[in-house]
Amino acid sequence: MKGIFTSMKNAKVISFKALKNIKDEKEKDRAYLYKIKRMDKFQLLEEMVRFQEERSQKDELTLNLMIKGQVLFKALEEHAETEALRSLSSSYCKHLAYELEEYLKNA
């Protein structure tokens, strides 16, 4: 969320409805956050595969997926033992931050 607000300083118009939607999704997904925090490395990798499958099935990156993805990929980045996984997770976190910025601009 930090990246969103940093980037929003440059935005001319901010949709308060979009901000509220983001906040509501984060509140709704609090259980997901706790679930992710309890996972070990193997479970996180399984969740990443499940997340990518869900993303492919929906054919679009929904707000809910953006929020869940940020939680998941941040946890993966923190638990990564290889530079490749850390880099992948970091890149996906940045991509999701960009998608949230776009959501705010276009809402």
Protein backbone atom coordinates (compact mmCIF):
# COMPACT_ATOMS: atom_id res chain seq x y z
CA MET A 1 0.00 0.00 0.00
CA LYS A 2 2.95 2.30 0.64
CA GLY A 3 3.79 2.40 -3.07
CA ILE A 4 0.27 3.44 -3.95
CA PHE A 5 0.28 6.48 -1.71
CA THR A 6 3.77 7.50 -2.79
CA SER A 7 2.68 7.42 -6.42
CA MET A 8 -0.62 9.09 -5.65
CA LYS A 9 1.16 12.31 -4.72
CA ASN A 10 1.65 12.84 -8.44
CA ALA A 11 -1.94 12.04 -9.32
CA LYS A 12 -4.23 14.97 -10.02
CA VAL A 13 -7.50 13.22 -9.22
CA ILE A 14 -7.95 10.54 -6.61
CA SER A 15 -11.09 8.48 -6.46
CA PHE A 16 -12.15 8.22 -2.85
CA LYS A 17 -14.52 5.45 -3.88
CA ALA A 18 -11.56 3.50 -5.28
CA LEU A 19 -9.59 4.07 -2.07
CA LYS A 20 -12.56 2.87 -0.06
CA ASN A 21 -12.86 -0.21 -2.27
CA ILE A 22 -9.19 -1.02 -1.66
CA LYS A 23 -9.60 -0.55 2.09
CA ASP A 24 -12.72 -2.72 2.11
CA GLU A 25 -10.96 -5.50 0.16
CA LYS A 26 -8.06 -5.43 2.61
CA GLU A 27 -10.44 -5.72 5.53
CA LYS A 28 -12.30 -8.58 3.83
CA ASP A 29 -9.05 -10.40 3.15
CA ARG A 30 -7.64 -10.10 6.65
CA ALA A 31 -8.22 -13.86 7.08
CA TYR A 32 -6.13 -14.44 3.94
CA LEU A 33 -3.31 -12.39 5.45
CA TYR A 34 -3.32 -14.54 8.60
CA LYS A 35 -3.48 -17.71 6.52
CA ILE A 36 -0.43 -16.62 4.48
CA LYS A 37 1.54 -15.66 7.59
CA ARG A 38 1.15 -19.20 8.95
CA MET A 39 2.36 -20.92 5.78
CA ASP A 40 5.80 -22.43 5.33
CA LYS A 41 7.83 -22.04 2.13
CA PHE A 42 6.34 -25.08 0.43
CA GLN A 43 2.78 -24.00 1.21
CA LEU A 44 3.53 -20.50 -0.08
CA LEU A 45 4.75 -21.95 -3.38
CA GLU A 46 1.60 -24.06 -3.63
CA GLU A 47 -0.48 -20.96 -2.95
CA MET A 48 1.40 -19.10 -5.69
CA VAL A 49 0.44 -21.82 -8.18
CA ARG A 50 -3.18 -21.71 -6.99
CA PHE A 51 -3.17 -17.90 -7.27
CA GLN A 52 -1.83 -18.02 -10.82
CA GLU A 53 -4.45 -20.60 -11.79
CA GLU A 54 -7.22 -18.42 -10.34
CA ARG A 55 -5.80 -15.41 -12.17
CA SER A 56 -5.81 -17.33 -15.45
CA GLN A 57 -9.37 -18.53 -14.97
CA LYS A 58 -10.75 -15.06 -14.24
CA ASP A 59 -9.17 -13.60 -17.37
CA GLU A 60 -8.66 -10.28 -15.58
CA LEU A 61 -6.83 -9.00 -12.55
CA THR A 62 -9.60 -8.12 -10.12
CA LEU A 63 -9.14 -5.84 -7.13
CA ASN A 64 -9.47 -8.86 -4.86
CA LEU A 65 -6.67 -10.65 -6.74
CA MET A 66 -4.46 -7.55 -6.60
CA ILE A 67 -4.80 -7.35 -2.82
CA LYS A 68 -4.32 -11.11 -2.30
CA GLY A 69 -1.38 -11.10 -4.70
CA GLN A 70 0.38 -8.34 -2.81
CA VAL A 71 0.05 -10.28 0.44
CA LEU A 72 1.19 -13.54 -1.13
CA PHE A 73 4.13 -12.23 -3.13
CA LYS A 74 5.40 -10.09 -0.26
CA ALA A 75 5.45 -13.23 1.92
CA LEU A 76 7.20 -15.18 -0.85
CA GLU A 77 9.77 -12.41 -1.21
CA GLU A 78 10.46 -12.47 2.54
CA HIS A 79 10.82 -16.27 2.67
CA ALA A 80 12.69 -16.79 -0.61
CA GLU A 81 15.92 -18.71 -0.31
CA THR A 82 17.02 -18.11 -3.88
CA GLU A 83 17.65 -14.85 -5.65
CA ALA A 84 15.47 -16.00 -8.55
CA LEU A 85 12.39 -16.45 -6.36
CA ARG A 86 13.10 -13.21 -4.51
CA SER A 87 13.39 -11.37 -7.81
CA LEU A 88 10.23 -12.95 -9.21
CA SER A 89 8.26 -12.10 -6.08
CA SER A 90 9.58 -8.56 -5.99
CA SER A 91 8.73 -8.02 -9.65
CA TYR A 92 5.21 -9.29 -9.18
CA CYS A 93 4.74 -7.04 -6.11
CA LYS A 94 5.81 -4.06 -8.23
CA HIS A 95 3.46 -5.14 -11.02
CA LEU A 96 0.54 -5.37 -8.58
CA ALA A 97 1.38 -1.94 -7.12
CA TYR A 98 1.27 -0.56 -10.68
CA GLU A 99 -2.08 -2.28 -11.31
CA LEU A 100 -3.49 -0.75 -8.12
CA GLU A 101 -2.28 2.68 -9.23
CA GLU A 102 -4.04 2.18 -12.55
CA TYR A 103 -7.17 1.08 -10.72
CA LEU A 104 -7.09 4.32 -8.73
CA LYS A 105 -6.55 6.44 -11.84
CA ASN A 106 -9.32 4.79 -13.81
CA ALA A 107 -11.94 4.34 -11.09
